[in-house]
Amino acid sequence: MGSFTLADLAAIVAERADASPAESYTARLLADGMPRAAKKLGEEATEAVIAAVAGSEAELRDEAADVLYHLLVVLHGRGVPLQDVLDALQRRTARSGLDEKASRPR
């Protein structure tokens, strides 16, 4: 199996977003509006937290996959390219996390 990346997933999300909501879960989430897509992201994040604390490694892995997918759907729905997020991460990792966090406006 080849190496699958977040960029691959973002491309799949973009493609499926243009499909019919009757045929694509991604399109349906986006057609239902950003509040619905964001709520689903929050639900998946909560499930990942629960799996991290009380679940198996497999449960955490699967919930993490759901979080990443739903995050990419929300980003797509808001017009935020994955590369913008990766660029922000690159800027933030150029120095220690504690220094970066301390520099944020309060």
N, C-alpha and C. Protein backbone atom coordinates (compact mmCIF):
# COMPACT_ATOMS: atom_id res chain seq x y z
N MET A 1 0.84 -1.17 0.00
CA MET A 1 0.00 0.00 0.00
C MET A 1 0.89 1.24 0.00
N GLY A 2 0.56 2.19 -0.86
CA GLY A 2 1.36 3.41 -0.97
C GLY A 2 1.16 4.33 0.21
N SER A 3 1.92 5.40 0.21
CA SER A 3 1.86 6.38 1.28
C SER A 3 0.68 7.32 1.03
N PHE A 4 -0.26 7.36 1.95
CA PHE A 4 -1.45 8.20 1.85
C PHE A 4 -1.21 9.43 2.70
N THR A 5 -1.49 10.61 2.16
CA THR A 5 -1.21 11.85 2.87
C THR A 5 -2.48 12.64 3.14
N LEU A 6 -2.36 13.63 4.00
CA LEU A 6 -3.48 14.53 4.23
C LEU A 6 -3.83 15.29 2.96
N ALA A 7 -2.85 15.58 2.12
CA ALA A 7 -3.12 16.23 0.84
C ALA A 7 -3.99 15.33 -0.04
N ASP A 8 -3.73 14.02 0.00
CA ASP A 8 -4.57 13.07 -0.74
C ASP A 8 -6.01 13.14 -0.24
N LEU A 9 -6.15 13.14 1.09
CA LEU A 9 -7.50 13.20 1.67
C LEU A 9 -8.18 14.52 1.34
N ALA A 10 -7.45 15.62 1.39
CA ALA A 10 -8.03 16.92 1.05
C ALA A 10 -8.52 16.93 -0.39
N ALA A 11 -7.79 16.31 -1.29
CA ALA A 11 -8.21 16.23 -2.69
C ALA A 11 -9.48 15.39 -2.84
N ILE A 12 -9.58 14.31 -2.09
CA ILE A 12 -10.79 13.48 -2.13
C ILE A 12 -11.97 14.26 -1.58
N VAL A 13 -11.77 14.98 -0.49
CA VAL A 13 -12.85 15.80 0.08
C VAL A 13 -13.31 16.83 -0.94
N ALA A 14 -12.38 17.51 -1.60
CA ALA A 14 -12.74 18.53 -2.60
C ALA A 14 -13.53 17.91 -3.75
N GLU A 15 -13.12 16.75 -4.19
CA GLU A 15 -13.81 16.07 -5.29
C GLU A 15 -15.22 15.66 -4.87
N ARG A 16 -15.34 15.08 -3.69
CA ARG A 16 -16.64 14.59 -3.24
C ARG A 16 -17.57 15.73 -2.83
N ALA A 17 -17.02 16.87 -2.48
CA ALA A 17 -17.84 18.03 -2.13
C ALA A 17 -18.67 18.49 -3.32
N ASP A 18 -18.17 18.23 -4.52
CA ASP A 18 -18.87 18.64 -5.74
C ASP A 18 -19.90 17.62 -6.21
N ALA A 19 -19.99 16.50 -5.54
CA ALA A 19 -20.93 15.45 -5.92
C ALA A 19 -22.33 15.79 -5.41
N SER A 20 -23.27 14.97 -5.75
CA SER A 20 -24.64 15.13 -5.27
C SER A 20 -24.71 14.73 -3.79
N PRO A 21 -25.41 15.52 -2.97
CA PRO A 21 -25.57 15.13 -1.57
C PRO A 21 -26.26 13.77 -1.40
N ALA A 22 -27.00 13.35 -2.41
CA ALA A 22 -27.64 12.03 -2.36
C ALA A 22 -26.62 10.91 -2.53
N GLU A 23 -25.44 11.24 -3.08
CA GLU A 23 -24.44 10.22 -3.37
C GLU A 23 -23.17 10.36 -2.55
N SER A 24 -23.02 11.47 -1.84
CA SER A 24 -21.76 11.73 -1.15
C SER A 24 -22.02 12.26 0.25
N TYR A 25 -21.46 11.58 1.25
CA TYR A 25 -21.57 12.04 2.63
C TYR A 25 -20.91 13.40 2.79
N THR A 26 -19.78 13.58 2.13
CA THR A 26 -19.09 14.87 2.19
C THR A 26 -19.98 15.98 1.67
N ALA A 27 -20.57 15.77 0.51
CA ALA A 27 -21.47 16.78 -0.08
C ALA A 27 -22.67 17.03 0.81
N ARG A 28 -23.18 15.97 1.43
CA ARG A 28 -24.34 16.13 2.32
C ARG A 28 -23.98 16.96 3.54
N LEU A 29 -22.83 16.69 4.14
CA LEU A 29 -22.39 17.48 5.29
C LEU A 29 -22.31 18.96 4.93
N LEU A 30 -21.72 19.25 3.79
CA LEU A 30 -21.56 20.65 3.37
C LEU A 30 -22.89 21.27 2.98
N ALA A 31 -23.77 20.49 2.36
CA ALA A 31 -25.09 21.01 1.98
C ALA A 31 -25.93 21.34 3.21
N ASP A 32 -25.71 20.62 4.29
CA ASP A 32 -26.45 20.87 5.53
C ASP A 32 -25.97 22.13 6.25
N GLY A 33 -24.87 22.71 5.79
CA GLY A 33 -24.39 23.96 6.35
C GLY A 33 -23.22 23.77 7.31
N MET A 34 -22.50 24.87 7.50
CA MET A 34 -21.31 24.82 8.35
C MET A 34 -21.63 24.44 9.80
N PRO A 35 -22.75 24.89 10.38
CA PRO A 35 -23.03 24.45 11.75
C PRO A 35 -23.09 22.93 11.88
N ARG A 36 -23.68 22.25 10.91
CA ARG A 36 -23.78 20.79 10.95
C ARG A 36 -22.40 20.15 10.80
N ALA A 37 -21.62 20.65 9.85
CA ALA A 37 -20.29 20.08 9.63
C ALA A 37 -19.40 20.31 10.85
N ALA A 38 -19.48 21.50 11.43
CA ALA A 38 -18.67 21.81 12.61
C ALA A 38 -19.11 20.98 13.81
N LYS A 39 -20.41 20.79 13.95
CA LYS A 39 -20.91 19.96 15.05
C LYS A 39 -20.39 18.53 14.92
N LYS A 40 -20.40 18.01 13.71
CA LYS A 40 -19.91 16.66 13.48
C LYS A 40 -18.42 16.56 13.80
N LEU A 41 -17.64 17.59 13.45
CA LEU A 41 -16.23 17.63 13.81
C LEU A 41 -16.07 17.58 15.32
N GLY A 42 -16.87 18.35 16.03
CA GLY A 42 -16.81 18.36 17.49
C GLY A 42 -17.16 17.01 18.09
N GLU A 43 -18.17 16.35 17.53
CA GLU A 43 -18.55 15.03 18.02
C GLU A 43 -17.40 14.04 17.83
N GLU A 44 -16.79 14.09 16.66
CA GLU A 44 -15.68 13.16 16.39
C GLU A 44 -14.48 13.46 17.29
N ALA A 45 -14.23 14.74 17.55
CA ALA A 45 -13.13 15.10 18.44
C ALA A 45 -13.38 14.57 19.85
N THR A 46 -14.62 14.67 20.31
CA THR A 46 -14.98 14.15 21.62
C THR A 46 -14.78 12.64 21.67
N GLU A 47 -15.19 11.95 20.62
CA GLU A 47 -15.00 10.50 20.57
C GLU A 47 -13.50 10.15 20.58
N ALA A 48 -12.68 10.96 19.94
CA ALA A 48 -11.24 10.72 19.96
C ALA A 48 -10.67 10.91 21.36
N VAL A 49 -11.16 11.91 22.07
CA VAL A 49 -10.71 12.14 23.45
C VAL A 49 -11.07 10.94 24.32
N ILE A 50 -12.29 10.46 24.18
CA ILE A 50 -12.72 9.30 24.96
C ILE A 50 -11.87 8.08 24.62
N ALA A 51 -11.60 7.88 23.34
CA ALA A 51 -10.77 6.74 22.94
C ALA A 51 -9.35 6.88 23.47
N ALA A 52 -8.84 8.11 23.54
CA ALA A 52 -7.48 8.33 24.05
C ALA A 52 -7.39 7.96 25.52
N VAL A 53 -8.47 8.20 26.26
CA VAL A 53 -8.46 7.97 27.70
C VAL A 53 -8.86 6.54 28.04
N ALA A 54 -9.85 6.01 27.35
CA ALA A 54 -10.42 4.74 27.78
C ALA A 54 -10.53 3.69 26.68
N GLY A 55 -10.13 4.02 25.48
CA GLY A 55 -10.29 3.07 24.39
C GLY A 55 -9.00 2.34 24.05
N SER A 56 -9.11 1.50 23.07
CA SER A 56 -7.94 0.77 22.59
C SER A 56 -7.17 1.64 21.59
N GLU A 57 -5.98 1.18 21.24
CA GLU A 57 -5.21 1.89 20.24
C GLU A 57 -5.96 1.92 18.90
N ALA A 58 -6.64 0.83 18.57
CA ALA A 58 -7.39 0.77 17.32
C ALA A 58 -8.56 1.77 17.34
N GLU A 59 -9.22 1.89 18.48
CA GLU A 59 -10.32 2.86 18.58
C GLU A 59 -9.79 4.29 18.42
N LEU A 60 -8.68 4.58 19.06
CA LEU A 60 -8.09 5.91 18.94
C LEU A 60 -7.67 6.18 17.50
N ARG A 61 -7.06 5.21 16.87
CA ARG A 61 -6.65 5.36 15.46
C ARG A 61 -7.84 5.69 14.58
N ASP A 62 -8.92 4.94 14.75
CA ASP A 62 -10.11 5.15 13.91
C ASP A 62 -10.79 6.48 14.20
N GLU A 63 -10.85 6.87 15.46
CA GLU A 63 -11.45 8.16 15.81
C GLU A 63 -10.58 9.31 15.31
N ALA A 64 -9.26 9.14 15.38
CA ALA A 64 -8.36 10.17 14.85
C ALA A 64 -8.57 10.34 13.35
N ALA A 65 -8.76 9.24 12.64
CA ALA A 65 -9.04 9.31 11.20
C ALA A 65 -10.34 10.08 10.95
N ASP A 66 -11.36 9.83 11.77
CA ASP A 66 -12.62 10.56 11.62
C ASP A 66 -12.43 12.05 11.87
N VAL A 67 -11.63 12.40 12.88
CA VAL A 67 -11.36 13.81 13.18
C VAL A 67 -10.67 14.48 12.00
N LEU A 68 -9.66 13.85 11.45
CA LEU A 68 -8.93 14.45 10.33
C LEU A 68 -9.84 14.64 9.13
N TYR A 69 -10.65 13.64 8.82
CA TYR A 69 -11.59 13.75 7.70
C TYR A 69 -12.55 14.91 7.92
N HIS A 70 -13.19 14.95 9.09
CA HIS A 70 -14.19 16.00 9.34
C HIS A 70 -13.54 17.38 9.42
N LEU A 71 -12.31 17.47 9.90
CA LEU A 71 -11.60 18.75 9.90
C LEU A 71 -11.38 19.22 8.47
N LEU A 72 -10.98 18.32 7.59
CA LEU A 72 -10.77 18.70 6.19
C LEU A 72 -12.07 19.11 5.52
N VAL A 73 -13.17 18.48 5.88
CA VAL A 73 -14.47 18.90 5.35
C VAL A 73 -14.78 20.33 5.79
N VAL A 74 -14.59 20.62 7.06
CA VAL A 74 -14.85 21.96 7.59
C VAL A 74 -13.92 22.99 6.93
N LEU A 75 -12.65 22.66 6.81
CA LEU A 75 -11.72 23.57 6.15
C LEU A 75 -12.16 23.85 4.71
N HIS A 76 -12.52 22.80 4.00
CA HIS A 76 -12.98 22.96 2.62
C HIS A 76 -14.23 23.84 2.57
N GLY A 77 -15.15 23.57 3.46
CA GLY A 77 -16.40 24.33 3.49
C GLY A 77 -16.19 25.81 3.76
N ARG A 78 -15.15 26.13 4.50
CA ARG A 78 -14.83 27.53 4.80
C ARG A 78 -13.82 28.12 3.82
N GLY A 79 -13.35 27.32 2.88
CA GLY A 79 -12.40 27.82 1.89
C GLY A 79 -10.99 28.00 2.42
N VAL A 80 -10.63 27.23 3.44
CA VAL A 80 -9.28 27.30 4.01
C VAL A 80 -8.48 26.12 3.46
N PRO A 81 -7.48 26.40 2.61
CA PRO A 81 -6.69 25.30 2.06
C PRO A 81 -5.86 24.59 3.13
N LEU A 82 -5.72 23.29 2.98
CA LEU A 82 -4.88 22.52 3.89
C LEU A 82 -3.48 23.12 3.95
N GLN A 83 -2.96 23.58 2.82
CA GLN A 83 -1.60 24.12 2.80
C GLN A 83 -1.48 25.32 3.74
N ASP A 84 -2.53 26.12 3.87
CA ASP A 84 -2.48 27.25 4.81
C ASP A 84 -2.30 26.76 6.24
N VAL A 85 -2.96 25.66 6.58
CA VAL A 85 -2.83 25.08 7.92
C VAL A 85 -1.42 24.53 8.11
N LEU A 86 -0.92 23.84 7.10
CA LEU A 86 0.44 23.30 7.18
C LEU A 86 1.47 24.42 7.28
N ASP A 87 1.24 25.53 6.57
CA ASP A 87 2.14 26.68 6.67
C ASP A 87 2.13 27.26 8.08
N ALA A 88 0.93 27.34 8.68
CA ALA A 88 0.83 27.84 10.06
C ALA A 88 1.58 26.91 11.02
N LEU A 89 1.45 25.61 10.82
CA LEU A 89 2.18 24.66 11.66
C LEU A 89 3.69 24.81 11.47
N GLN A 90 4.12 25.02 10.25
CA GLN A 90 5.54 25.18 10.00
C GLN A 90 6.07 26.43 10.71
N ARG A 91 5.32 27.53 10.63
CA ARG A 91 5.74 28.75 11.33
C ARG A 91 5.82 28.51 12.83
N ARG A 92 4.82 27.81 13.37
CA ARG A 92 4.77 27.58 14.81
C ARG A 92 5.86 26.65 15.30
N THR A 93 6.29 25.72 14.46
CA THR A 93 7.30 24.77 14.90
C THR A 93 8.71 25.28 14.67
N ALA A 94 8.83 26.50 14.16
CA ALA A 94 10.16 27.09 13.96
C ALA A 94 10.81 27.45 15.30
N ARG A 95 10.01 27.49 16.35
CA ARG A 95 10.54 27.73 17.70
C ARG A 95 9.79 26.84 18.67
N SER A 96 10.20 26.87 19.92
CA SER A 96 9.58 25.98 20.91
C SER A 96 8.10 26.29 21.07
N GLY A 97 7.32 25.28 21.35
CA GLY A 97 5.89 25.45 21.55
C GLY A 97 5.56 26.41 22.68
N LEU A 98 6.34 26.38 23.74
CA LEU A 98 6.10 27.28 24.87
C LEU A 98 6.35 28.73 24.47
N ASP A 99 7.43 28.97 23.71
CA ASP A 99 7.71 30.32 23.24
C ASP A 99 6.62 30.81 22.29
N GLU A 100 6.21 29.93 21.38
CA GLU A 100 5.18 30.30 20.41
C GLU A 100 3.88 30.65 21.11
N LYS A 101 3.48 29.82 22.07
CA LYS A 101 2.23 30.07 22.78
C LYS A 101 2.29 31.37 23.58
N ALA A 102 3.42 31.64 24.20
CA ALA A 102 3.58 32.87 24.99
C ALA A 102 3.50 34.12 24.11
N SER A 103 3.84 33.99 22.83
CA SER A 103 3.84 35.15 21.95
C SER A 103 2.46 35.48 21.38
N ARG A 104 1.50 34.59 21.55
CA ARG A 104 0.16 34.84 21.01
C ARG A 104 -0.53 35.97 21.76
N PRO A 105 -1.30 36.78 21.02
CA PRO A 105 -2.06 37.83 21.70
C PRO A 105 -3.08 37.23 22.66
N ARG A 106 -3.25 37.88 23.78
CA ARG A 106 -4.19 37.35 24.78
C ARG A 106 -5.56 37.88 24.54
